[in-house]
Amino acid sequence: MDPKVAPGMANDFHCGEACADQRFRKFVEQHERVSALVARFVPLVQLKIVSQWGVLNDYRVNDTLIQKSLITSFRPMGDIGIVPNASGKQFKSVSDATGLNLQDIATAESIAAELASLNIAAIVRSPQGIRVIRSGCSDNQAGLLFKRTDVPEPKEKDDFGEGLELVFAVKVAQDIYYFETT
């Protein structure tokens, strides 16, 4: 990655420039598969976040963690909406915990499986558009932003909400940016 393209990159978070460059290139290579995933996520407006952490059948939908048969819903804590936290409440079904119908739950499960196959942590709905996050899910995020057409292009120091500040963004395709935050 050209340092002129990514000024001020915090290399300690990124495990060095070679690591950051590899992550950037992998995302650029995968942007078509990721675009298809985003297209499945966009119409499901009741989904704010789907994430996974590499454990089979363990994933997050909005503020609910599904861990095999354990289903726990949380109230987000603090400015960055930390989940999980001490507010957890157990449920017998994903539908009861999330309010989603069975078809949307099946789609969320499928999205979580696809995230795992792409080695991606999360897909998140935000005011800027859809963020697909390779690493970091509370701060120090690295990922692709599928920018909404009605918002300006992202620029350094933009407030991404949830305590996130944009370090840089590099245009990958029309309205798609590789980004990193603090």
N, C-alpha and C. Protein backbone atom coordinates (compact mmCIF):
# COMPACT_ATOMS: atom_id res chain seq x y z
N MET A 1 0.86 -1.17 0.00
CA MET A 1 0.00 0.00 0.00
C MET A 1 0.90 1.22 0.00
N ASP A 2 0.64 2.12 -0.88
CA ASP A 2 1.42 3.34 -1.00
C ASP A 2 1.17 4.23 0.22
N PRO A 3 2.22 4.59 0.98
CA PRO A 3 2.02 5.41 2.16
C PRO A 3 1.37 6.76 1.84
N LYS A 4 1.52 7.26 0.60
CA LYS A 4 0.88 8.52 0.22
C LYS A 4 -0.64 8.36 0.15
N VAL A 5 -1.09 7.14 -0.14
CA VAL A 5 -2.52 6.87 -0.24
C VAL A 5 -3.13 6.75 1.14
N ALA A 6 -2.37 6.29 2.09
CA ALA A 6 -2.88 6.04 3.44
C ALA A 6 -2.06 6.79 4.48
N PRO A 7 -2.12 8.14 4.47
CA PRO A 7 -1.31 8.89 5.43
C PRO A 7 -1.76 8.64 6.85
N GLY A 8 -0.79 8.62 7.75
CA GLY A 8 -1.09 8.50 9.17
C GLY A 8 -1.55 7.12 9.59
N MET A 9 -1.32 6.11 8.76
CA MET A 9 -1.77 4.77 9.11
C MET A 9 -1.10 4.32 10.40
N ALA A 10 -1.89 3.83 11.33
CA ALA A 10 -1.37 3.39 12.63
C ALA A 10 -0.86 1.96 12.49
N ASN A 11 0.38 1.80 12.09
CA ASN A 11 0.91 0.47 11.78
C ASN A 11 0.96 -0.49 12.96
N ASP A 12 1.00 0.02 14.21
CA ASP A 12 1.03 -0.93 15.32
C ASP A 12 -0.28 -1.72 15.37
N PHE A 13 -1.42 -1.08 15.13
CA PHE A 13 -2.70 -1.79 15.07
C PHE A 13 -2.70 -2.78 13.92
N HIS A 14 -2.09 -2.39 12.84
CA HIS A 14 -2.16 -3.18 11.61
C HIS A 14 -1.08 -4.25 11.52
N CYS A 15 -0.28 -4.42 12.52
CA CYS A 15 0.79 -5.41 12.55
C CYS A 15 1.85 -5.14 11.49
N GLY A 16 2.02 -3.88 11.15
CA GLY A 16 3.05 -3.49 10.19
C GLY A 16 2.48 -3.25 8.81
N GLU A 17 3.25 -2.54 7.99
CA GLU A 17 2.76 -2.16 6.66
C GLU A 17 2.48 -3.37 5.78
N ALA A 18 3.31 -4.41 5.83
CA ALA A 18 3.09 -5.59 5.00
C ALA A 18 1.77 -6.26 5.34
N CYS A 19 1.45 -6.33 6.62
CA CYS A 19 0.18 -6.92 7.07
C CYS A 19 -1.00 -6.08 6.57
N ALA A 20 -0.91 -4.77 6.76
CA ALA A 20 -1.98 -3.87 6.31
C ALA A 20 -2.15 -3.96 4.80
N ASP A 21 -1.04 -4.03 4.08
CA ASP A 21 -1.09 -4.14 2.62
C ASP A 21 -1.76 -5.44 2.20
N GLN A 22 -1.45 -6.53 2.87
CA GLN A 22 -2.06 -7.82 2.55
C GLN A 22 -3.57 -7.77 2.77
N ARG A 23 -4.01 -7.18 3.88
CA ARG A 23 -5.43 -7.07 4.18
C ARG A 23 -6.13 -6.22 3.12
N PHE A 24 -5.53 -5.12 2.73
CA PHE A 24 -6.08 -4.25 1.69
C PHE A 24 -6.23 -5.02 0.38
N ARG A 25 -5.16 -5.69 -0.04
CA ARG A 25 -5.19 -6.42 -1.32
C ARG A 25 -6.22 -7.55 -1.30
N LYS A 26 -6.33 -8.24 -0.17
CA LYS A 26 -7.31 -9.33 -0.07
C LYS A 26 -8.73 -8.79 -0.23
N PHE A 27 -9.01 -7.67 0.41
CA PHE A 27 -10.33 -7.07 0.28
C PHE A 27 -10.61 -6.62 -1.15
N VAL A 28 -9.62 -6.03 -1.79
CA VAL A 28 -9.81 -5.60 -3.17
C VAL A 28 -10.10 -6.81 -4.05
N GLU A 29 -9.37 -7.90 -3.83
CA GLU A 29 -9.61 -9.14 -4.59
C GLU A 29 -11.01 -9.68 -4.35
N GLN A 30 -11.51 -9.56 -3.14
CA GLN A 30 -12.81 -10.14 -2.77
C GLN A 30 -13.98 -9.19 -2.97
N HIS A 31 -13.76 -7.99 -3.47
CA HIS A 31 -14.84 -7.00 -3.42
C HIS A 31 -16.08 -7.43 -4.20
N GLU A 32 -15.95 -8.25 -5.25
CA GLU A 32 -17.14 -8.72 -5.96
C GLU A 32 -17.96 -9.69 -5.12
N ARG A 33 -17.29 -10.64 -4.45
CA ARG A 33 -18.02 -11.57 -3.55
C ARG A 33 -18.63 -10.82 -2.39
N VAL A 34 -17.89 -9.86 -1.87
CA VAL A 34 -18.39 -9.06 -0.76
C VAL A 34 -19.58 -8.21 -1.23
N SER A 35 -19.51 -7.69 -2.45
CA SER A 35 -20.63 -6.91 -3.00
C SER A 35 -21.90 -7.75 -3.06
N ALA A 36 -21.78 -9.00 -3.44
CA ALA A 36 -22.95 -9.90 -3.48
C ALA A 36 -23.52 -10.10 -2.07
N LEU A 37 -22.64 -10.22 -1.10
CA LEU A 37 -23.08 -10.37 0.29
C LEU A 37 -23.82 -9.11 0.76
N VAL A 38 -23.27 -7.96 0.44
CA VAL A 38 -23.90 -6.69 0.80
C VAL A 38 -25.28 -6.59 0.15
N ALA A 39 -25.41 -7.02 -1.09
CA ALA A 39 -26.70 -6.98 -1.78
C ALA A 39 -27.75 -7.82 -1.07
N ARG A 40 -27.34 -8.91 -0.43
CA ARG A 40 -28.27 -9.73 0.35
C ARG A 40 -28.65 -9.05 1.66
N PHE A 41 -27.71 -8.31 2.24
CA PHE A 41 -27.91 -7.67 3.54
C PHE A 41 -28.78 -6.40 3.43
N VAL A 42 -28.57 -5.61 2.40
CA VAL A 42 -29.21 -4.29 2.27
C VAL A 42 -30.72 -4.32 2.45
N PRO A 43 -31.46 -5.22 1.78
CA PRO A 43 -32.92 -5.16 1.92
C PRO A 43 -33.45 -5.57 3.29
N LEU A 44 -32.62 -6.20 4.09
CA LEU A 44 -33.06 -6.64 5.43
C LEU A 44 -32.83 -5.50 6.42
N VAL A 45 -33.63 -4.45 6.32
CA VAL A 45 -33.40 -3.21 7.07
C VAL A 45 -33.44 -3.41 8.58
N GLN A 46 -34.07 -4.49 9.05
CA GLN A 46 -34.12 -4.74 10.49
C GLN A 46 -32.79 -5.30 11.01
N LEU A 47 -31.87 -5.66 10.11
CA LEU A 47 -30.54 -6.12 10.54
C LEU A 47 -29.60 -4.94 10.63
N LYS A 48 -29.02 -4.72 11.83
CA LYS A 48 -28.02 -3.67 12.02
C LYS A 48 -26.62 -4.25 11.87
N ILE A 49 -26.44 -5.46 12.37
CA ILE A 49 -25.13 -6.09 12.34
C ILE A 49 -25.30 -7.61 12.32
N VAL A 50 -24.47 -8.24 11.52
CA VAL A 50 -24.28 -9.69 11.58
C VAL A 50 -22.78 -9.88 11.68
N SER A 51 -22.34 -10.65 12.68
CA SER A 51 -20.91 -10.88 12.83
C SER A 51 -20.66 -12.33 13.22
N GLN A 52 -19.42 -12.74 13.04
CA GLN A 52 -19.01 -14.09 13.40
C GLN A 52 -17.58 -14.02 13.88
N TRP A 53 -17.15 -15.02 14.61
CA TRP A 53 -15.78 -15.02 15.14
C TRP A 53 -15.09 -16.35 14.91
N GLY A 54 -15.49 -17.06 13.87
CA GLY A 54 -14.77 -18.26 13.47
C GLY A 54 -15.12 -19.52 14.23
N VAL A 55 -16.18 -19.51 15.01
CA VAL A 55 -16.62 -20.70 15.73
C VAL A 55 -17.92 -21.17 15.07
N LEU A 56 -17.94 -22.40 14.61
CA LEU A 56 -19.09 -22.94 13.89
C LEU A 56 -20.38 -22.72 14.69
N ASN A 57 -21.39 -22.17 14.03
CA ASN A 57 -22.72 -21.91 14.60
C ASN A 57 -22.75 -20.87 15.71
N ASP A 58 -21.70 -20.08 15.85
CA ASP A 58 -21.67 -18.96 16.79
C ASP A 58 -21.63 -17.68 15.98
N TYR A 59 -22.58 -16.77 16.24
CA TYR A 59 -22.60 -15.52 15.50
C TYR A 59 -23.43 -14.51 16.27
N ARG A 60 -23.43 -13.28 15.77
CA ARG A 60 -24.20 -12.19 16.38
C ARG A 60 -25.17 -11.64 15.35
N VAL A 61 -26.40 -11.39 15.77
CA VAL A 61 -27.40 -10.69 14.98
C VAL A 61 -27.90 -9.53 15.83
N ASN A 62 -27.67 -8.31 15.34
CA ASN A 62 -28.00 -7.11 16.09
C ASN A 62 -27.37 -7.20 17.48
N ASP A 63 -28.16 -7.18 18.53
CA ASP A 63 -27.59 -7.20 19.88
C ASP A 63 -27.75 -8.56 20.56
N THR A 64 -27.87 -9.60 19.75
CA THR A 64 -28.06 -10.95 20.25
C THR A 64 -26.92 -11.86 19.81
N LEU A 65 -26.37 -12.61 20.77
CA LEU A 65 -25.34 -13.60 20.46
C LEU A 65 -25.98 -14.98 20.43
N ILE A 66 -25.69 -15.72 19.38
CA ILE A 66 -26.15 -17.09 19.24
C ILE A 66 -24.90 -17.95 19.34
N GLN A 67 -24.84 -18.76 20.39
CA GLN A 67 -23.68 -19.63 20.63
C GLN A 67 -24.21 -21.04 20.80
N LYS A 68 -24.22 -21.78 19.69
CA LYS A 68 -24.83 -23.11 19.64
C LYS A 68 -26.29 -22.97 20.06
N SER A 69 -26.69 -23.53 21.20
CA SER A 69 -28.08 -23.43 21.63
C SER A 69 -28.30 -22.31 22.66
N LEU A 70 -27.25 -21.59 23.02
CA LEU A 70 -27.36 -20.49 23.98
C LEU A 70 -27.64 -19.20 23.23
N ILE A 71 -28.76 -18.55 23.54
CA ILE A 71 -29.18 -17.33 22.86
C ILE A 71 -29.30 -16.24 23.91
N THR A 72 -28.45 -15.20 23.79
CA THR A 72 -28.41 -14.14 24.79
C THR A 72 -28.52 -12.79 24.09
N SER A 73 -29.45 -11.97 24.54
CA SER A 73 -29.64 -10.63 24.00
C SER A 73 -29.14 -9.61 25.01
N PHE A 74 -28.61 -8.49 24.50
CA PHE A 74 -27.98 -7.47 25.34
C PHE A 74 -28.50 -6.08 25.02
N ARG A 75 -28.41 -5.17 26.00
CA ARG A 75 -28.58 -3.75 25.76
C ARG A 75 -27.18 -3.19 25.51
N PRO A 76 -26.93 -2.56 24.36
CA PRO A 76 -25.59 -2.01 24.09
C PRO A 76 -25.17 -1.03 25.16
N MET A 77 -23.87 -1.07 25.53
CA MET A 77 -23.32 -0.21 26.58
C MET A 77 -22.36 0.82 26.01
N GLY A 78 -22.41 2.02 26.53
CA GLY A 78 -21.44 3.05 26.21
C GLY A 78 -21.62 3.64 24.82
N ASP A 79 -20.71 4.57 24.49
CA ASP A 79 -20.76 5.27 23.20
C ASP A 79 -20.62 4.33 22.01
N ILE A 80 -19.84 3.26 22.19
CA ILE A 80 -19.62 2.36 21.05
C ILE A 80 -20.52 1.14 21.10
N GLY A 81 -21.48 1.13 22.01
CA GLY A 81 -22.48 0.07 22.04
C GLY A 81 -21.93 -1.32 22.30
N ILE A 82 -21.09 -1.45 23.31
CA ILE A 82 -20.41 -2.73 23.57
C ILE A 82 -21.41 -3.84 23.87
N VAL A 83 -21.26 -4.92 23.13
CA VAL A 83 -22.02 -6.16 23.31
C VAL A 83 -21.00 -7.27 23.14
N PRO A 84 -20.91 -8.26 23.98
CA PRO A 84 -21.73 -8.52 25.16
C PRO A 84 -21.30 -7.67 26.35
N ASN A 85 -22.17 -7.65 27.34
CA ASN A 85 -21.92 -6.94 28.58
C ASN A 85 -22.77 -7.59 29.67
N ALA A 86 -22.85 -6.97 30.83
CA ALA A 86 -23.53 -7.58 31.97
C ALA A 86 -25.06 -7.57 31.85
N SER A 87 -25.61 -6.94 30.81
CA SER A 87 -27.07 -6.82 30.70
C SER A 87 -27.73 -8.03 30.02
N GLY A 88 -26.98 -9.09 29.76
CA GLY A 88 -27.49 -10.22 28.99
C GLY A 88 -28.73 -10.88 29.56
N LYS A 89 -29.65 -11.21 28.65
CA LYS A 89 -30.86 -11.94 29.02
C LYS A 89 -30.99 -13.12 28.07
N GLN A 90 -31.23 -14.29 28.61
CA GLN A 90 -31.30 -15.51 27.81
C GLN A 90 -32.70 -15.69 27.23
N PHE A 91 -32.73 -16.25 26.00
CA PHE A 91 -33.98 -16.53 25.30
C PHE A 91 -33.96 -17.97 24.80
N LYS A 92 -35.16 -18.49 24.52
CA LYS A 92 -35.27 -19.87 24.02
C LYS A 92 -35.16 -19.93 22.50
N SER A 93 -35.42 -18.80 21.81
CA SER A 93 -35.35 -18.81 20.35
C SER A 93 -34.73 -17.52 19.84
N VAL A 94 -34.10 -17.60 18.69
CA VAL A 94 -33.51 -16.41 18.06
C VAL A 94 -34.62 -15.43 17.72
N SER A 95 -35.76 -15.93 17.29
CA SER A 95 -36.89 -15.08 16.95
C SER A 95 -37.37 -14.27 18.15
N ASP A 96 -37.49 -14.92 19.32
CA ASP A 96 -37.90 -14.20 20.53
C ASP A 96 -36.87 -13.15 20.93
N ALA A 97 -35.60 -13.45 20.77
CA ALA A 97 -34.53 -12.53 21.17
C ALA A 97 -34.42 -11.34 20.24
N THR A 98 -34.62 -11.57 18.93
CA THR A 98 -34.36 -10.52 17.95
C THR A 98 -35.61 -9.88 17.37
N GLY A 99 -36.75 -10.58 17.44
CA GLY A 99 -37.97 -10.09 16.80
C GLY A 99 -38.00 -10.35 15.31
N LEU A 100 -37.00 -11.08 14.79
CA LEU A 100 -36.93 -11.39 13.36
C LEU A 100 -37.80 -12.60 13.03
N ASN A 101 -38.30 -12.65 11.79
CA ASN A 101 -39.03 -13.84 11.36
C ASN A 101 -38.04 -14.93 10.96
N LEU A 102 -38.54 -16.14 10.79
CA LEU A 102 -37.67 -17.30 10.53
C LEU A 102 -36.87 -17.14 9.24
N GLN A 103 -37.46 -16.57 8.19
CA GLN A 103 -36.74 -16.38 6.93
C GLN A 103 -35.56 -15.42 7.11
N ASP A 104 -35.79 -14.32 7.84
CA ASP A 104 -34.71 -13.36 8.08
C ASP A 104 -33.61 -13.97 8.96
N ILE A 105 -34.00 -14.81 9.92
CA ILE A 105 -33.02 -15.49 10.76
C ILE A 105 -32.17 -16.43 9.91
N ALA A 106 -32.81 -17.18 9.01
CA ALA A 106 -32.07 -18.08 8.12
C ALA A 106 -31.11 -17.29 7.23
N THR A 107 -31.54 -16.13 6.75
CA THR A 107 -30.67 -15.29 5.92
C THR A 107 -29.50 -14.77 6.75
N ALA A 108 -29.76 -14.34 7.99
CA ALA A 108 -28.69 -13.86 8.87
C ALA A 108 -27.69 -14.98 9.14
N GLU A 109 -28.16 -16.20 9.38
CA GLU A 109 -27.26 -17.34 9.59
C GLU A 109 -26.41 -17.59 8.35
N SER A 110 -27.05 -17.50 7.18
CA SER A 110 -26.33 -17.70 5.92
C SER A 110 -25.28 -16.61 5.71
N ILE A 111 -25.63 -15.38 6.05
CA ILE A 111 -24.67 -14.27 5.94
C ILE A 111 -23.50 -14.50 6.88
N ALA A 112 -23.77 -14.95 8.12
CA ALA A 112 -22.69 -15.23 9.08
C ALA A 112 -21.76 -16.31 8.53
N ALA A 113 -22.32 -17.35 7.90
CA ALA A 113 -21.50 -18.42 7.32
C ALA A 113 -20.64 -17.88 6.17
N GLU A 114 -21.21 -17.01 5.35
CA GLU A 114 -20.46 -16.41 4.24
C GLU A 114 -19.36 -15.49 4.76
N LEU A 115 -19.64 -14.73 5.83
CA LEU A 115 -18.60 -13.92 6.45
C LEU A 115 -17.42 -14.80 6.86
N ALA A 116 -17.72 -15.94 7.48
CA ALA A 116 -16.66 -16.85 7.91
C ALA A 116 -15.86 -17.36 6.72
N SER A 117 -16.54 -17.70 5.63
CA SER A 117 -15.82 -18.23 4.46
C SER A 117 -14.92 -17.18 3.82
N LEU A 118 -15.28 -15.91 4.00
CA LEU A 118 -14.47 -14.81 3.46
C LEU A 118 -13.46 -14.28 4.47
N ASN A 119 -13.45 -14.86 5.68
CA ASN A 119 -12.57 -14.39 6.76
C ASN A 119 -12.85 -12.93 7.10
N ILE A 120 -14.13 -12.61 7.22
CA ILE A 120 -14.60 -11.27 7.55
C ILE A 120 -15.32 -11.33 8.89
N ALA A 121 -15.11 -10.32 9.72
CA ALA A 121 -15.68 -10.31 11.06
C ALA A 121 -17.16 -9.92 11.08
N ALA A 122 -17.54 -8.89 10.32
CA ALA A 122 -18.90 -8.36 10.47
C ALA A 122 -19.35 -7.57 9.26
N ILE A 123 -20.66 -7.45 9.15
CA ILE A 123 -21.30 -6.54 8.21
C ILE A 123 -22.23 -5.66 9.04
N VAL A 124 -22.11 -4.33 8.89
CA VAL A 124 -22.77 -3.38 9.78
C VAL A 124 -23.46 -2.29 8.97
N ARG A 125 -24.70 -2.00 9.33
CA ARG A 125 -25.44 -0.89 8.72
C ARG A 125 -25.06 0.37 9.49
N SER A 126 -24.67 1.43 8.78
CA SER A 126 -24.28 2.68 9.44
C SER A 126 -24.81 3.86 8.64
N PRO A 127 -24.76 5.07 9.20
CA PRO A 127 -25.25 6.24 8.47
C PRO A 127 -24.52 6.46 7.13
N GLN A 128 -23.25 6.03 7.05
CA GLN A 128 -22.48 6.22 5.82
C GLN A 128 -22.83 5.18 4.75
N GLY A 129 -23.38 4.06 5.16
CA GLY A 129 -23.67 2.96 4.24
C GLY A 129 -23.48 1.64 4.96
N ILE A 130 -22.99 0.66 4.24
CA ILE A 130 -22.74 -0.66 4.81
C ILE A 130 -21.23 -0.83 4.98
N ARG A 131 -20.81 -1.14 6.23
CA ARG A 131 -19.39 -1.41 6.50
C ARG A 131 -19.21 -2.91 6.58
N VAL A 132 -18.25 -3.42 5.84
CA VAL A 132 -17.87 -4.83 5.91
C VAL A 132 -16.50 -4.85 6.56
N ILE A 133 -16.42 -5.43 7.75
CA ILE A 133 -15.24 -5.27 8.60
C ILE A 133 -14.43 -6.55 8.63
N ARG A 134 -13.18 -6.46 8.21
CA ARG A 134 -12.28 -7.61 8.27
C ARG A 134 -11.77 -7.80 9.69
N SER A 135 -11.38 -6.70 10.33
CA SER A 135 -10.85 -6.82 11.69
C SER A 135 -11.27 -5.61 12.49
N GLY A 136 -11.38 -5.82 13.81
CA GLY A 136 -11.82 -4.76 14.70
C GLY A 136 -13.31 -4.57 14.58
N CYS A 137 -14.05 -4.76 15.65
CA CYS A 137 -15.50 -4.58 15.56
C CYS A 137 -16.01 -3.56 16.55
N SER A 138 -15.15 -2.94 17.30
CA SER A 138 -15.59 -1.83 18.14
C SER A 138 -14.82 -0.58 17.76
N ASP A 139 -13.50 -0.68 17.68
CA ASP A 139 -12.71 0.44 17.17
C ASP A 139 -11.55 -0.15 16.36
N ASN A 140 -10.73 0.72 15.81
CA ASN A 140 -9.62 0.27 14.96
C ASN A 140 -10.10 -0.71 13.90
N GLN A 141 -11.15 -0.33 13.19
CA GLN A 141 -11.71 -1.19 12.15
C GLN A 141 -10.96 -1.04 10.84
N ALA A 142 -10.90 -2.14 10.10
CA ALA A 142 -10.38 -2.15 8.74
C ALA A 142 -11.42 -2.89 7.90
N GLY A 143 -11.85 -2.28 6.80
CA GLY A 143 -12.87 -2.94 6.00
C GLY A 143 -13.23 -2.18 4.74
N LEU A 144 -14.35 -2.59 4.17
CA LEU A 144 -14.89 -1.92 2.99
C LEU A 144 -16.14 -1.17 3.38
N LEU A 145 -16.25 0.06 2.91
CA LEU A 145 -17.46 0.85 3.06
C LEU A 145 -18.17 0.87 1.73
N PHE A 146 -19.41 0.39 1.71
CA PHE A 146 -20.28 0.51 0.55
C PHE A 146 -21.12 1.75 0.83
N LYS A 147 -20.64 2.87 0.33
CA LYS A 147 -21.16 4.20 0.66
C LYS A 147 -22.56 4.40 0.08
N ARG A 148 -23.43 4.97 0.90
CA ARG A 148 -24.74 5.40 0.39
C ARG A 148 -24.51 6.49 -0.64
N THR A 149 -25.31 6.52 -1.67
CA THR A 149 -25.11 7.51 -2.74
C THR A 149 -25.44 8.93 -2.30
N ASP A 150 -26.20 9.09 -1.21
CA ASP A 150 -26.60 10.42 -0.77
C ASP A 150 -25.68 11.01 0.30
N VAL A 151 -24.54 10.36 0.58
CA VAL A 151 -23.58 10.91 1.53
C VAL A 151 -22.28 11.25 0.80
N PRO A 152 -21.53 12.23 1.31
CA PRO A 152 -20.28 12.60 0.63
C PRO A 152 -19.22 11.50 0.74
N GLU A 153 -18.21 11.61 -0.12
CA GLU A 153 -17.10 10.65 -0.07
C GLU A 153 -16.43 10.73 1.30
N PRO A 154 -16.01 9.60 1.85
CA PRO A 154 -15.35 9.62 3.16
C PRO A 154 -13.99 10.30 3.08
N LYS A 155 -13.63 10.98 4.16
CA LYS A 155 -12.33 11.64 4.20
C LYS A 155 -11.75 11.52 5.61
N GLU A 156 -10.44 11.68 5.69
CA GLU A 156 -9.73 11.56 6.96
C GLU A 156 -10.40 12.40 8.04
N LYS A 157 -10.50 11.82 9.23
CA LYS A 157 -11.06 12.44 10.44
C LYS A 157 -12.59 12.50 10.44
N ASP A 158 -13.26 11.93 9.42
CA ASP A 158 -14.72 11.85 9.46
C ASP A 158 -15.16 11.09 10.70
N ASP A 159 -16.26 11.52 11.30
CA ASP A 159 -16.86 10.82 12.44
C ASP A 159 -17.73 9.71 11.89
N PHE A 160 -17.37 8.47 12.19
CA PHE A 160 -18.14 7.32 11.73
C PHE A 160 -19.17 6.91 12.77
N GLY A 161 -19.32 7.70 13.85
CA GLY A 161 -20.25 7.34 14.92
C GLY A 161 -19.66 6.22 15.75
N GLU A 162 -20.34 5.86 16.82
CA GLU A 162 -19.93 4.77 17.70
C GLU A 162 -18.49 4.92 18.18
N GLY A 163 -18.00 6.16 18.30
CA GLY A 163 -16.64 6.40 18.77
C GLY A 163 -15.57 6.18 17.72
N LEU A 164 -15.95 6.02 16.46
CA LEU A 164 -15.00 5.74 15.38
C LEU A 164 -14.65 7.02 14.62
N GLU A 165 -13.37 7.19 14.34
CA GLU A 165 -12.91 8.29 13.49
C GLU A 165 -12.15 7.69 12.32
N LEU A 166 -12.45 8.15 11.12
CA LEU A 166 -11.80 7.64 9.92
C LEU A 166 -10.34 8.08 9.87
N VAL A 167 -9.44 7.11 9.71
CA VAL A 167 -8.01 7.40 9.54
C VAL A 167 -7.75 7.67 8.06
N PHE A 168 -8.29 6.81 7.18
CA PHE A 168 -8.19 7.04 5.74
C PHE A 168 -9.19 6.17 5.02
N ALA A 169 -9.44 6.52 3.76
CA ALA A 169 -10.29 5.72 2.88
C ALA A 169 -9.68 5.77 1.48
N VAL A 170 -9.66 4.61 0.81
CA VAL A 170 -9.14 4.50 -0.54
C VAL A 170 -10.25 3.95 -1.42
N LYS A 171 -10.56 4.64 -2.51
CA LYS A 171 -11.62 4.20 -3.41
C LYS A 171 -11.20 2.92 -4.12
N VAL A 172 -12.06 1.90 -4.05
CA VAL A 172 -11.81 0.60 -4.67
C VAL A 172 -12.63 0.45 -5.93
N ALA A 173 -13.86 0.95 -5.91
CA ALA A 173 -14.79 0.92 -7.04
C ALA A 173 -15.82 2.02 -6.79
N GLN A 174 -16.76 2.17 -7.70
CA GLN A 174 -17.80 3.19 -7.54
C GLN A 174 -18.50 3.01 -6.20
N ASP A 175 -18.41 4.02 -5.33
CA ASP A 175 -19.05 4.04 -4.01
C ASP A 175 -18.58 2.92 -3.07
N ILE A 176 -17.41 2.33 -3.33
CA ILE A 176 -16.83 1.33 -2.45
C ILE A 176 -15.43 1.80 -2.05
N TYR A 177 -15.18 1.85 -0.73
CA TYR A 177 -13.92 2.36 -0.20
C TYR A 177 -13.34 1.38 0.80
N TYR A 178 -12.04 1.16 0.70
CA TYR A 178 -11.32 0.47 1.78
C TYR A 178 -11.07 1.55 2.83
N PHE A 179 -11.36 1.24 4.10
CA PHE A 179 -11.21 2.25 5.14
C PHE A 179 -10.54 1.64 6.37
N GLU A 180 -10.00 2.52 7.19
CA GLU A 180 -9.50 2.15 8.51
C GLU A 180 -9.87 3.27 9.47
N THR A 181 -10.23 2.88 10.70
CA THR A 181 -10.67 3.86 11.70
C THR A 181 -9.80 3.74 12.96
N THR A 182 -9.96 4.73 13.84
CA THR A 182 -9.33 4.66 15.16
C THR A 182 -10.37 4.19 16.14
